[in-house]
């Protein structure tokens, strides 16, 4: 039985993807956006979701830029307006979407963001499934988002990252987060009668302690030191 995802979850996920692209000054890639949804690509009409999202946005913030332009057709002036708009406030009050957080509950650091973007761009180094495309913040039905993920035809690789300076408890938290997302991914696949291989990796920037290494091994989590 295919996994059913609520309309509001799809809107929130697309909103997050589009507005982050705006803040980074990048046009959204619909093909990459589709990989963030736990549904067959053909079952997700991004423009329909964007239309519903814009209708809600227009009710509360009639002066907000039209987000649908990020799916194509926006002028340079339109993009400049979108990139400078206060999407955090809009996300909170229009969609109940809080600002992006790390797993520790603090605002995401530039080091964390850079490392997860590196991970999503270096699948070959991390042993990603052949032919898969890395994405950051892949959404899972449990409400979790991985720092990076690679979804192949018959296997998946889920990645969490922790930059230099991460405390041992933060690394432990990341390991258990990966265990949870691995289980959720298996459950997600089982609804379609599939039993794909799901691997998980923690990417760090300094050698973790012996206790962290031992815990990772016991939990079946690979550790990659960049």
C-alpha atoms as a PDB file:
ATOM      1  CA  UNK A   1       0.000   0.000   0.000  1.00  0.00           C
ATOM      2  CA  UNK A   2       1.524   3.368  -1.006  1.00  0.00           C
ATOM      3  CA  UNK A   3       2.473   5.713   1.796  1.00  0.00           C
ATOM      4  CA  UNK A   4      -0.048   8.512   2.289  1.00  0.00           C
ATOM      5  CA  UNK A   5       1.398  11.937   3.037  1.00  0.00           C
ATOM      6  CA  UNK A   6      -0.770  14.861   4.105  1.00  0.00           C
ATOM      7  CA  UNK A   7      -1.086  17.959   1.938  1.00  0.00           C
ATOM      8  CA  UNK A   8       0.226  20.193   4.708  1.00  0.00           C
ATOM      9  CA  UNK A   9       3.364  18.067   5.061  1.00  0.00           C
ATOM     10  CA  UNK A  10       4.005  18.360   1.340  1.00  0.00           C
ATOM     11  CA  UNK A  11       3.445  22.106   1.450  1.00  0.00           C
ATOM     12  CA  UNK A  12       5.776  22.516   4.394  1.00  0.00           C
ATOM     13  CA  UNK A  13       8.492  20.461   2.749  1.00  0.00           C
ATOM     14  CA  UNK A  14       8.235  22.320  -0.540  1.00  0.00           C
ATOM     15  CA  UNK A  15       8.112  25.656   1.287  1.00  0.00           C
ATOM     16  CA  UNK A  16      11.319  24.828   3.129  1.00  0.00           C
ATOM     17  CA  UNK A  17      13.038  23.727  -0.071  1.00  0.00           C
ATOM     18  CA  UNK A  18      11.969  26.782  -2.058  1.00  0.00           C
ATOM     19  CA  UNK A  19      12.717  29.378   0.575  1.00  0.00           C
ATOM     20  CA  UNK A  20      16.142  27.955   1.329  1.00  0.00           C
ATOM     21  CA  UNK A  21      16.901  28.112  -2.372  1.00  0.00           C
ATOM     22  CA  UNK A  22      15.784  31.733  -2.341  1.00  0.00           C
ATOM     23  CA  UNK A  23      17.965  32.622   0.624  1.00  0.00           C
ATOM     24  CA  UNK A  24      20.977  31.001  -1.036  1.00  0.00           C
ATOM     25  CA  UNK A  25      20.255  32.770  -4.303  1.00  0.00           C
ATOM     26  CA  UNK A  26      19.631  29.531  -6.172  1.00  0.00           C
ATOM     27  CA  UNK A  27      16.758  28.537  -8.410  1.00  0.00           C
ATOM     28  CA  UNK A  28      14.863  25.483  -7.229  1.00  0.00           C
ATOM     29  CA  UNK A  29      15.375  22.306  -9.220  1.00  0.00           C
ATOM     30  CA  UNK A  30      12.015  20.476  -9.503  1.00  0.00           C
ATOM     31  CA  UNK A  31      13.766  17.145 -10.096  1.00  0.00           C
ATOM     32  CA  UNK A  32      15.747  17.560  -6.880  1.00  0.00           C
ATOM     33  CA  UNK A  33      12.639  18.703  -5.036  1.00  0.00           C
ATOM     34  CA  UNK A  34      10.777  15.542  -5.986  1.00  0.00           C
ATOM     35  CA  UNK A  35      13.430  13.428  -4.254  1.00  0.00           C
ATOM     36  CA  UNK A  36      12.502  15.039  -0.939  1.00  0.00           C
ATOM     37  CA  UNK A  37       9.030  13.501  -0.958  1.00  0.00           C
ATOM     38  CA  UNK A  38       8.247   9.942   0.229  1.00  0.00           C
ATOM     39  CA  UNK A  39       6.110   9.261  -2.815  1.00  0.00           C
ATOM     40  CA  UNK A  40       6.582   8.283  -6.437  1.00  0.00           C
ATOM     41  CA  UNK A  41       7.814  11.265  -8.425  1.00  0.00           C
ATOM     42  CA  UNK A  42       4.863  11.010 -10.780  1.00  0.00           C
ATOM     43  CA  UNK A  43       2.422  11.283  -7.877  1.00  0.00           C
ATOM     44  CA  UNK A  44       3.764  14.655  -6.738  1.00  0.00           C
ATOM     45  CA  UNK A  45       2.640  17.689  -8.753  1.00  0.00           C
ATOM     46  CA  UNK A  46       4.952  20.410  -7.525  1.00  0.00           C
ATOM     47  CA  UNK A  47       3.057  23.167  -9.293  1.00  0.00           C
ATOM     48  CA  UNK A  48      -0.224  22.073  -7.725  1.00  0.00           C
ATOM     49  CA  UNK A  49       1.380  22.081  -4.283  1.00  0.00           C
ATOM     50  CA  UNK A  50       2.960  25.475  -4.979  1.00  0.00           C
ATOM     51  CA  UNK A  51      -0.419  26.861  -6.051  1.00  0.00           C
ATOM     52  CA  UNK A  52      -2.017  25.735  -2.814  1.00  0.00           C
ATOM     53  CA  UNK A  53       0.882  27.130  -0.853  1.00  0.00           C
ATOM     54  CA  UNK A  54       0.685  30.491  -2.628  1.00  0.00           C
ATOM     55  CA  UNK A  55      -3.073  30.702  -2.016  1.00  0.00           C
ATOM     56  CA  UNK A  56      -2.480  30.321   1.714  1.00  0.00           C
ATOM     57  CA  UNK A  57       0.411  32.769   1.615  1.00  0.00           C
ATOM     58  CA  UNK A  58      -1.631  35.395  -0.216  1.00  0.00           C
ATOM     59  CA  UNK A  59      -4.379  35.260   2.407  1.00  0.00           C
ATOM     60  CA  UNK A  60      -2.013  36.148   5.247  1.00  0.00           C
ATOM     61  CA  UNK A  61       0.725  38.088   3.467  1.00  0.00           C
ATOM     62  CA  UNK A  62      -0.790  39.610   0.300  1.00  0.00           C
ATOM     63  CA  UNK A  63       2.397  41.581  -0.356  1.00  0.00           C
ATOM     64  CA  UNK A  64       4.712  38.573  -0.297  1.00  0.00           C
ATOM     65  CA  UNK A  65       6.588  37.583  -3.468  1.00  0.00           C
ATOM     66  CA  UNK A  66       5.028  34.809  -5.532  1.00  0.00           C
ATOM     67  CA  UNK A  67       6.902  31.637  -4.584  1.00  0.00           C
ATOM     68  CA  UNK A  68       5.733  29.873  -7.726  1.00  0.00           C
ATOM     69  CA  UNK A  69       8.325  31.868  -9.612  1.00  0.00           C
ATOM     70  CA  UNK A  70      11.023  29.717  -8.060  1.00  0.00           C
ATOM     71  CA  UNK A  71       9.727  26.775 -10.096  1.00  0.00           C
ATOM     72  CA  UNK A  72      10.524  28.736 -13.235  1.00  0.00           C
ATOM     73  CA  UNK A  73       9.818  32.007 -15.003  1.00  0.00           C
ATOM     74  CA  UNK A  74      10.884  34.460 -12.278  1.00  0.00           C
ATOM     75  CA  UNK A  75      12.762  37.557 -13.396  1.00  0.00           C
ATOM     76  CA  UNK A  76      15.987  38.714 -11.802  1.00  0.00           C
ATOM     77  CA  UNK A  77      14.027  41.384  -9.886  1.00  0.00           C
ATOM     78  CA  UNK A  78      11.525  38.762  -8.690  1.00  0.00           C
ATOM     79  CA  UNK A  79      14.347  36.571  -7.419  1.00  0.00           C
ATOM     80  CA  UNK A  80      16.010  39.491  -5.668  1.00  0.00           C
ATOM     81  CA  UNK A  81      12.730  40.235  -3.885  1.00  0.00           C
ATOM     82  CA  UNK A  82      12.321  36.594  -2.862  1.00  0.00           C
ATOM     83  CA  UNK A  83      15.876  36.344  -1.607  1.00  0.00           C
ATOM     84  CA  UNK A  84      15.498  39.360   0.679  1.00  0.00           C
ATOM     85  CA  UNK A  85      12.044  38.527   2.061  1.00  0.00           C
ATOM     86  CA  UNK A  86      11.452  37.459   5.691  1.00  0.00           C
ATOM     87  CA  UNK A  87      10.541  33.825   5.038  1.00  0.00           C
ATOM     88  CA  UNK A  88      11.128  32.784   8.661  1.00  0.00           C
ATOM     89  CA  UNK A  89       8.162  34.854   9.831  1.00  0.00           C
ATOM     90  CA  UNK A  90       6.043  33.686   6.898  1.00  0.00           C
ATOM     91  CA  UNK A  91       6.894  30.053   7.593  1.00  0.00           C
ATOM     92  CA  UNK A  92       5.906  30.324  11.247  1.00  0.00           C
ATOM     93  CA  UNK A  93       2.585  32.109  10.799  1.00  0.00           C
ATOM     94  CA  UNK A  94       1.412  30.802   7.434  1.00  0.00           C
ATOM     95  CA  UNK A  95       2.480  27.180   7.679  1.00  0.00           C
ATOM     96  CA  UNK A  96       3.470  26.506  11.277  1.00  0.00           C
ATOM     97  CA  UNK A  97       7.015  25.878  10.067  1.00  0.00           C
ATOM     98  CA  UNK A  98       9.705  26.893  12.577  1.00  0.00           C
ATOM     99  CA  UNK A  99      13.115  28.211  11.531  1.00  0.00           C
ATOM    100  CA  UNK A 100      15.618  25.570  10.459  1.00  0.00           C
ATOM    101  CA  UNK A 101      17.286  23.972  13.477  1.00  0.00           C
ATOM    102  CA  UNK A 102      20.051  21.486  14.018  1.00  0.00           C
ATOM    103  CA  UNK A 103      19.301  18.394  16.059  1.00  0.00           C
ATOM    104  CA  UNK A 104      20.675  20.134  19.167  1.00  0.00           C
ATOM    105  CA  UNK A 105      17.979  22.817  18.949  1.00  0.00           C
ATOM    106  CA  UNK A 106      20.312  25.718  18.149  1.00  0.00           C
ATOM    107  CA  UNK A 107      20.427  27.693  14.927  1.00  0.00           C
ATOM    108  CA  UNK A 108      22.287  25.856  12.170  1.00  0.00           C
ATOM    109  CA  UNK A 109      25.932  26.886  11.954  1.00  0.00           C
ATOM    110  CA  UNK A 110      27.699  27.672   8.707  1.00  0.00           C
ATOM    111  CA  UNK A 111      30.102  24.794   9.434  1.00  0.00           C
ATOM    112  CA  UNK A 112      27.232  22.308   9.750  1.00  0.00           C
ATOM    113  CA  UNK A 113      25.575  23.599   6.592  1.00  0.00           C
ATOM    114  CA  UNK A 114      28.832  23.432   4.640  1.00  0.00           C
ATOM    115  CA  UNK A 115      29.529  19.876   5.792  1.00  0.00           C
ATOM    116  CA  UNK A 116      26.090  18.536   4.883  1.00  0.00           C
ATOM    117  CA  UNK A 117      26.328  20.178   1.460  1.00  0.00           C
ATOM    118  CA  UNK A 118      29.741  18.561   1.027  1.00  0.00           C
ATOM    119  CA  UNK A 119      28.260  15.189   1.966  1.00  0.00           C
ATOM    120  CA  UNK A 120      25.401  15.536  -0.533  1.00  0.00           C
ATOM    121  CA  UNK A 121      27.919  16.380  -3.268  1.00  0.00           C
ATOM    122  CA  UNK A 122      30.367  13.551  -2.526  1.00  0.00           C
ATOM    123  CA  UNK A 123      28.348  10.382  -2.806  1.00  0.00           C
ATOM    124  CA  UNK A 124      31.183   8.492  -4.485  1.00  0.00           C
ATOM    125  CA  UNK A 125      33.414   9.083  -1.475  1.00  0.00           C
ATOM    126  CA  UNK A 126      30.699   7.942   0.927  1.00  0.00           C
ATOM    127  CA  UNK A 127      29.758   4.844  -1.069  1.00  0.00           C
ATOM    128  CA  UNK A 128      26.374   6.081  -2.254  1.00  0.00           C
ATOM    129  CA  UNK A 129      24.178   3.850  -4.455  1.00  0.00           C
ATOM    130  CA  UNK A 130      25.125   3.926  -8.123  1.00  0.00           C
ATOM    131  CA  UNK A 131      23.142   6.479 -10.094  1.00  0.00           C
ATOM    132  CA  UNK A 132      21.712   8.196  -7.013  1.00  0.00           C
ATOM    133  CA  UNK A 133      21.688  11.974  -6.588  1.00  0.00           C
ATOM    134  CA  UNK A 134      22.543  13.435  -3.203  1.00  0.00           C
ATOM    135  CA  UNK A 135      20.131  15.841  -1.542  1.00  0.00           C
ATOM    136  CA  UNK A 136      20.251  17.693   1.749  1.00  0.00           C
ATOM    137  CA  UNK A 137      17.435  17.507   4.297  1.00  0.00           C
ATOM    138  CA  UNK A 138      15.589  14.509   2.938  1.00  0.00           C
ATOM    139  CA  UNK A 139      12.175  14.315   4.631  1.00  0.00           C
ATOM    140  CA  UNK A 140      11.037  11.126   6.395  1.00  0.00           C
ATOM    141  CA  UNK A 141       7.474  10.184   7.453  1.00  0.00           C
ATOM    142  CA  UNK A 142       8.512  10.390  11.117  1.00  0.00           C
ATOM    143  CA  UNK A 143       9.053  14.118  10.669  1.00  0.00           C
ATOM    144  CA  UNK A 144      12.839  13.748  10.703  1.00  0.00           C
ATOM    145  CA  UNK A 145      15.131  15.176   8.044  1.00  0.00           C
ATOM    146  CA  UNK A 146      18.522  13.711   7.310  1.00  0.00           C
ATOM    147  CA  UNK A 147      21.426  16.060   6.695  1.00  0.00           C
ATOM    148  CA  UNK A 148      21.968  14.274   3.376  1.00  0.00           C
ATOM    149  CA  UNK A 149      20.561  11.251   1.582  1.00  0.00           C
ATOM    150  CA  UNK A 150      21.094   9.189  -1.551  1.00  0.00           C
ATOM    151  CA  UNK A 151      18.119   7.158  -2.782  1.00  0.00           C
ATOM    152  CA  UNK A 152      18.995   4.545  -5.388  1.00  0.00           C
ATOM    153  CA  UNK A 153      16.873   2.017  -7.255  1.00  0.00           C
ATOM    154  CA  UNK A 154      17.458  -0.747  -4.719  1.00  0.00           C
ATOM    155  CA  UNK A 155      19.376   0.816  -1.848  1.00  0.00           C
ATOM    156  CA  UNK A 156      19.561   4.005   0.190  1.00  0.00           C
ATOM    157  CA  UNK A 157      22.286   5.852   2.053  1.00  0.00           C
ATOM    158  CA  UNK A 158      21.258   8.206   4.866  1.00  0.00           C
ATOM    159  CA  UNK A 159      23.824  10.635   6.248  1.00  0.00           C
ATOM    160  CA  UNK A 160      24.128  12.809   9.331  1.00  0.00           C
ATOM    161  CA  UNK A 161      27.039  15.227   9.759  1.00  0.00           C
ATOM    162  CA  UNK A 162      28.717  16.790  12.758  1.00  0.00           C
ATOM    163  CA  UNK A 163      31.427  19.410  12.161  1.00  0.00           C
ATOM    164  CA  UNK A 164      34.655  19.841  14.121  1.00  0.00           C
ATOM    165  CA  UNK A 165      34.089  20.616  17.777  1.00  0.00           C
ATOM    166  CA  UNK A 166      31.022  18.395  18.202  1.00  0.00           C
ATOM    167  CA  UNK A 167      30.756  17.028  21.722  1.00  0.00           C
ATOM    168  CA  UNK A 168      30.619  13.246  22.354  1.00  0.00           C
ATOM    169  CA  UNK A 169      26.940  13.463  23.312  1.00  0.00           C
ATOM    170  CA  UNK A 170      26.194  15.191  20.000  1.00  0.00           C
ATOM    171  CA  UNK A 171      27.877  12.359  18.103  1.00  0.00           C
ATOM    172  CA  UNK A 172      25.923   9.801  20.122  1.00  0.00           C
ATOM    173  CA  UNK A 173      22.692  11.651  19.346  1.00  0.00           C
ATOM    174  CA  UNK A 174      23.549  11.594  15.640  1.00  0.00           C
ATOM    175  CA  UNK A 175      24.169   7.838  15.751  1.00  0.00           C
ATOM    176  CA  UNK A 176      20.780   7.121  17.303  1.00  0.00           C
ATOM    177  CA  UNK A 177      19.093   9.550  14.897  1.00  0.00           C
ATOM    178  CA  UNK A 178      20.540   7.527  12.021  1.00  0.00           C
ATOM    179  CA  UNK A 179      19.275   4.284  13.563  1.00  0.00           C
ATOM    180  CA  UNK A 180      15.798   5.805  13.752  1.00  0.00           C
ATOM    181  CA  UNK A 181      15.812   7.054  10.156  1.00  0.00           C
ATOM    182  CA  UNK A 182      17.123   3.686   8.931  1.00  0.00           C
ATOM    183  CA  UNK A 183      14.174   1.975  10.628  1.00  0.00           C
ATOM    184  CA  UNK A 184      11.722   4.520   9.231  1.00  0.00           C
ATOM    185  CA  UNK A 185      13.138   4.091   5.719  1.00  0.00           C
ATOM    186  CA  UNK A 186      12.760   0.301   5.994  1.00  0.00           C
ATOM    187  CA  UNK A 187       9.143   0.764   7.129  1.00  0.00           C
ATOM    188  CA  UNK A 188       8.522   3.238   4.324  1.00  0.00           C
ATOM    189  CA  UNK A 189       9.786   0.731   1.754  1.00  0.00           C
ATOM    190  CA  UNK A 190       7.887  -2.187   3.287  1.00  0.00           C
ATOM    191  CA  UNK A 191       4.593  -0.437   2.525  1.00  0.00           C
ATOM    192  CA  UNK A 192       5.447  -0.928  -1.140  1.00  0.00           C
ATOM    193  CA  UNK A 193       6.534  -4.529  -0.575  1.00  0.00           C
ATOM    194  CA  UNK A 194      10.230  -3.697  -0.873  1.00  0.00           C
ATOM    195  CA  UNK A 195      13.183  -4.780   1.229  1.00  0.00           C
ATOM    196  CA  UNK A 196      15.937  -2.519  -0.087  1.00  0.00           C
ATOM    197  CA  UNK A 197      19.297  -2.242   1.616  1.00  0.00           C
ATOM    198  CA  UNK A 198      19.444   0.913   3.796  1.00  0.00           C
ATOM    199  CA  UNK A 199      22.828   2.073   5.026  1.00  0.00           C
ATOM    200  CA  UNK A 200      23.638   4.945   7.381  1.00  0.00           C
ATOM    201  CA  UNK A 201      26.788   7.022   7.798  1.00  0.00           C
ATOM    202  CA  UNK A 202      27.955   9.683  10.210  1.00  0.00           C
ATOM    203  CA  UNK A 203      30.346  12.216   8.670  1.00  0.00           C
ATOM    204  CA  UNK A 204      32.640  14.033  11.092  1.00  0.00           C
ATOM    205  CA  UNK A 205      35.620  16.355  10.753  1.00  0.00           C
ATOM    206  CA  UNK A 206      37.770  14.923  13.516  1.00  0.00           C
ATOM    207  CA  UNK A 207      38.461  11.434  14.772  1.00  0.00           C
ATOM    208  CA  UNK A 208      35.773  10.446  17.281  1.00  0.00           C
ATOM    209  CA  UNK A 209      36.698   8.838  20.581  1.00  0.00           C
ATOM    210  CA  UNK A 210      36.921   5.097  21.103  1.00  0.00           C
ATOM    211  CA  UNK A 211      33.547   4.997  22.853  1.00  0.00           C
ATOM    212  CA  UNK A 212      31.838   6.661  19.885  1.00  0.00           C
ATOM    213  CA  UNK A 213      33.519   4.283  17.465  1.00  0.00           C
ATOM    214  CA  UNK A 214      32.420   1.295  19.510  1.00  0.00           C
ATOM    215  CA  UNK A 215      28.831   2.566  19.734  1.00  0.00           C
ATOM    216  CA  UNK A 216      28.733   3.178  15.980  1.00  0.00           C
ATOM    217  CA  UNK A 217      29.976  -0.343  15.289  1.00  0.00           C
ATOM    218  CA  UNK A 218      27.399  -1.862  17.642  1.00  0.00           C
ATOM    219  CA  UNK A 219      24.623   0.128  15.968  1.00  0.00           C
ATOM    220  CA  UNK A 220      25.760  -0.693  12.434  1.00  0.00           C
ATOM    221  CA  UNK A 221      26.567   2.927  11.559  1.00  0.00           C
ATOM    222  CA  UNK A 222      29.554   3.747   9.348  1.00  0.00           C
ATOM    223  CA  UNK A 223      31.739   6.683  10.401  1.00  0.00           C
ATOM    224  CA  UNK A 224      33.564   8.775   7.799  1.00  0.00           C
ATOM    225  CA  UNK A 225      36.186  11.290   8.933  1.00  0.00           C
ATOM    226  CA  UNK A 226      36.573  14.056   6.384  1.00  0.00           C
END
